[in-house]
Amino acid sequence: MTGERSSGYWYAADRTRRGVAVLNALRDYRAAEAAMRRRTRSAMRMGETDLLAIRFLLKSETEGRSVSPKDLSAHLGISSASTTVLIDRLVRSGHVERRPHPTDRRALVIAPTISSDDEVRATLGEMHRRMIDVAEGLAPEEAVTVLDFLERMRSAVDSVSEVDAHAAEADVLVSPIPSARSVS
């Protein structure tokens, strides 16, 4: 999106148009990705946590790693009770199965089913192909620039502490949002 628009309420009015345009494009991409994830969840009839669990299990399986319920709980940041409910739901829907642990006969591992892998590939395969086509269409120097930019942006957002985030959230809640005219 290259048209001129409001800088957004959290960008200072004295920032460069180029910088604000880049951040707005990034925000637009994030919104489009969030909408795609909602459509995917709807198509697969799953909640966000269910889809994140499936993704983690498929990736772990590809990497040859077994996943215990405790691993899944830690990855998702949910309680062991919530993890049990999640696993039960995914077992009932046919997306995962409990298997005996390969080395500890007292333990179980959680694994995606073949049908779950097929469903994810069918639902997301074409979109992933389009995305890789766009990424592979970058010239080598463009790819280096994009990778550097995204790494620096990741670092910038990772450096925000919980205290900073809560303070910023409180500030947004009590500060008036400027009109588009006052910040463009």
Protein backbone atom coordinates (compact mmCIF):
# COMPACT_ATOMS: atom_id res chain seq x y z
CA MET A 1 0.00 0.00 0.00
CA THR A 2 1.84 3.10 -1.19
CA GLY A 3 -0.85 5.78 -0.90
CA GLU A 4 -0.56 8.48 1.72
CA ARG A 5 -2.61 7.96 4.83
CA SER A 6 -2.65 8.69 8.53
CA SER A 7 0.58 7.76 10.23
CA GLY A 8 -1.31 5.92 12.95
CA TYR A 9 -1.68 7.18 16.49
CA TRP A 10 1.53 5.69 17.90
CA TYR A 11 3.91 7.16 15.34
CA ALA A 12 5.16 10.63 16.16
CA ALA A 13 4.19 13.30 13.64
CA ASP A 14 7.84 14.27 13.09
CA ARG A 15 8.87 10.83 11.76
CA THR A 16 9.74 10.34 8.11
CA ARG A 17 7.01 9.49 5.66
CA ARG A 18 9.16 6.61 4.40
CA GLY A 19 9.54 5.09 7.86
CA VAL A 20 5.85 5.47 8.65
CA ALA A 21 4.91 4.03 5.23
CA VAL A 22 7.10 0.97 5.89
CA LEU A 23 5.59 0.45 9.34
CA ASN A 24 2.07 0.89 7.91
CA ALA A 25 2.85 -1.71 5.22
CA LEU A 26 4.11 -4.06 7.93
CA ARG A 27 0.94 -3.47 9.94
CA ASP A 28 -1.17 -4.13 6.81
CA TYR A 29 0.72 -7.40 6.24
CA ARG A 30 0.16 -8.45 9.87
CA ALA A 31 -3.58 -7.69 9.51
CA ALA A 32 -3.76 -9.72 6.28
CA GLU A 33 -1.90 -12.60 7.94
CA ALA A 34 -4.24 -12.50 10.96
CA ALA A 35 -7.25 -12.59 8.61
CA MET A 36 -5.72 -15.56 6.76
CA ARG A 37 -5.22 -17.37 10.10
CA ARG A 38 -8.90 -16.71 11.00
CA ARG A 39 -9.99 -18.14 7.63
CA THR A 40 -7.72 -21.15 8.14
CA ARG A 41 -9.08 -21.80 11.64
CA SER A 42 -12.60 -21.51 10.28
CA ALA A 43 -11.89 -23.86 7.35
CA MET A 44 -10.31 -26.41 9.69
CA ARG A 45 -12.93 -25.78 12.41
CA MET A 46 -10.26 -25.15 15.03
CA GLY A 47 -9.39 -22.53 17.58
CA GLU A 48 -6.13 -20.57 17.59
CA THR A 49 -4.50 -22.76 20.24
CA ASP A 50 -5.52 -25.93 18.39
CA LEU A 51 -3.91 -24.69 15.19
CA LEU A 52 -0.75 -23.57 17.02
CA ALA A 53 -0.53 -27.01 18.64
CA ILE A 54 -0.90 -28.80 15.29
CA ARG A 55 1.73 -26.56 13.72
CA PHE A 56 4.17 -27.24 16.58
CA LEU A 57 3.54 -30.99 16.42
CA LEU A 58 4.00 -31.13 12.64
CA LYS A 59 7.23 -29.11 12.84
CA SER A 60 8.56 -31.26 15.68
CA GLU A 61 7.75 -34.44 13.76
CA THR A 62 9.56 -33.09 10.68
CA GLU A 63 12.59 -32.39 12.88
CA GLY A 64 12.42 -35.90 14.38
CA ARG A 65 11.56 -34.66 17.88
CA SER A 66 9.01 -36.34 20.14
CA VAL A 67 6.61 -34.03 21.95
CA SER A 68 5.34 -34.74 25.44
CA PRO A 69 2.25 -33.07 26.87
CA LYS A 70 4.64 -31.03 29.04
CA ASP A 71 6.54 -29.85 25.92
CA LEU A 72 3.28 -28.84 24.28
CA SER A 73 2.16 -27.02 27.42
CA ALA A 74 5.45 -25.09 27.61
CA HIS A 75 5.37 -24.19 23.91
CA LEU A 76 1.80 -22.87 24.09
CA GLY A 77 2.19 -21.26 27.50
CA ILE A 78 -0.88 -22.98 28.91
CA SER A 79 -1.48 -25.00 32.07
CA SER A 80 -1.20 -28.79 32.17
CA ALA A 81 -4.98 -28.99 32.73
CA SER A 82 -5.63 -26.86 29.62
CA THR A 83 -3.15 -29.00 27.69
CA THR A 84 -5.04 -32.16 28.67
CA VAL A 85 -8.33 -30.64 27.48
CA LEU A 86 -6.63 -29.50 24.24
CA ILE A 87 -5.13 -32.94 23.57
CA ASP A 88 -8.44 -34.66 24.32
CA ARG A 89 -10.19 -32.34 21.85
CA LEU A 90 -7.56 -32.91 19.13
CA VAL A 91 -7.66 -36.68 19.66
CA ARG A 92 -11.49 -36.66 19.32
CA SER A 93 -11.27 -34.61 16.12
CA GLY A 94 -8.70 -37.02 14.67
CA HIS A 95 -5.87 -34.47 14.47
CA VAL A 96 -3.49 -36.00 17.02
CA GLU A 97 -2.90 -39.26 18.78
CA ARG A 98 -1.26 -40.30 22.01
CA ARG A 99 1.58 -42.76 21.48
CA PRO A 100 3.86 -44.60 23.88
CA HIS A 101 7.11 -42.75 24.54
CA PRO A 102 9.95 -44.45 22.62
CA THR A 103 12.24 -44.78 25.67
CA ASP A 104 10.05 -44.25 28.75
CA ARG A 105 7.23 -46.78 29.01
CA ARG A 106 5.48 -44.67 31.66
CA ALA A 107 5.23 -41.62 29.41
CA LEU A 108 3.29 -40.66 26.30
CA VAL A 109 4.11 -38.51 23.30
CA ILE A 110 1.65 -36.52 21.25
CA ALA A 111 1.85 -36.83 17.47
CA PRO A 112 -0.13 -35.40 14.57
CA THR A 113 -2.07 -37.87 12.47
CA ILE A 114 -1.45 -38.35 8.77
CA SER A 115 -4.91 -36.90 8.07
CA SER A 116 -4.00 -33.81 10.11
CA ASP A 117 -0.86 -33.29 8.00
CA ASP A 118 -2.90 -33.79 4.82
CA GLU A 119 -5.55 -31.31 5.98
CA VAL A 120 -2.97 -28.63 6.79
CA ARG A 121 -1.26 -29.14 3.42
CA ALA A 122 -4.59 -28.98 1.58
CA THR A 123 -5.71 -25.87 3.47
CA LEU A 124 -2.42 -23.94 3.41
CA GLY A 125 -0.43 -25.46 0.55
CA GLU A 126 -1.44 -23.04 -2.22
CA MET A 127 -1.02 -19.99 0.00
CA HIS A 128 2.45 -21.19 1.04
CA ARG A 129 3.39 -21.69 -2.63
CA ARG A 130 2.32 -18.12 -3.44
CA MET A 131 4.31 -16.79 -0.49
CA ILE A 132 7.49 -18.68 -1.45
CA ASP A 133 7.09 -17.46 -5.04
CA VAL A 134 7.06 -13.85 -3.79
CA ALA A 135 10.08 -14.47 -1.54
CA GLU A 136 12.02 -16.24 -4.28
CA GLY A 137 11.19 -13.38 -6.65
CA LEU A 138 13.42 -11.05 -4.63
CA ALA A 139 16.79 -10.20 -6.06
CA PRO A 140 19.63 -11.42 -3.80
CA GLU A 141 20.38 -7.90 -2.52
CA GLU A 142 16.66 -7.31 -1.86
CA ALA A 143 16.47 -10.54 0.14
CA VAL A 144 19.45 -9.45 2.25
CA THR A 145 17.76 -6.09 2.91
CA VAL A 146 14.43 -7.69 3.83
CA LEU A 147 16.07 -10.27 6.10
CA ASP A 148 18.11 -7.58 7.86
CA PHE A 149 15.03 -5.35 8.28
CA LEU A 150 12.89 -8.17 9.68
CA GLU A 151 15.64 -9.28 12.07
CA ARG A 152 16.06 -5.72 13.36
CA MET A 153 12.26 -5.34 13.72
CA ARG A 154 12.09 -8.65 15.61
CA SER A 155 14.86 -7.41 17.88
CA ALA A 156 13.06 -4.10 18.42
CA VAL A 157 9.82 -5.76 19.48
CA ASP A 158 11.57 -8.45 21.52
CA SER A 159 13.28 -5.73 23.54
CA VAL A 160 9.95 -4.38 24.84
CA SER A 161 9.56 -5.53 28.43
CA GLU A 162 6.21 -6.38 30.00
CA VAL A 163 6.48 -3.21 32.08
CA ASP A 164 7.00 -1.11 28.92
CA ALA A 165 4.09 -2.84 27.18
CA HIS A 166 1.73 -2.26 30.13
CA ALA A 167 2.79 1.40 30.38
CA ALA A 168 2.24 1.92 26.65
CA GLU A 169 -1.14 0.19 26.84
CA ALA A 170 -2.19 2.40 29.75
CA ASP A 171 -0.99 5.51 27.89
CA VAL A 172 -3.04 4.56 24.82
CA LEU A 173 -6.10 4.03 27.00
CA VAL A 174 -5.87 7.48 28.62
CA SER A 175 -4.47 9.53 25.70
CA PRO A 176 -6.75 10.95 23.06
CA ILE A 177 -6.12 9.54 19.58
CA PRO A 178 -5.11 12.36 17.24
CA SER A 179 -7.08 12.83 14.08
CA ALA A 180 -5.56 11.80 10.74
CA ARG A 181 -5.02 15.48 9.88
CA SER A 182 -2.95 16.14 12.98
CA VAL A 183 -0.48 13.31 12.39
CA SER A 184 -0.11 13.06 8.64
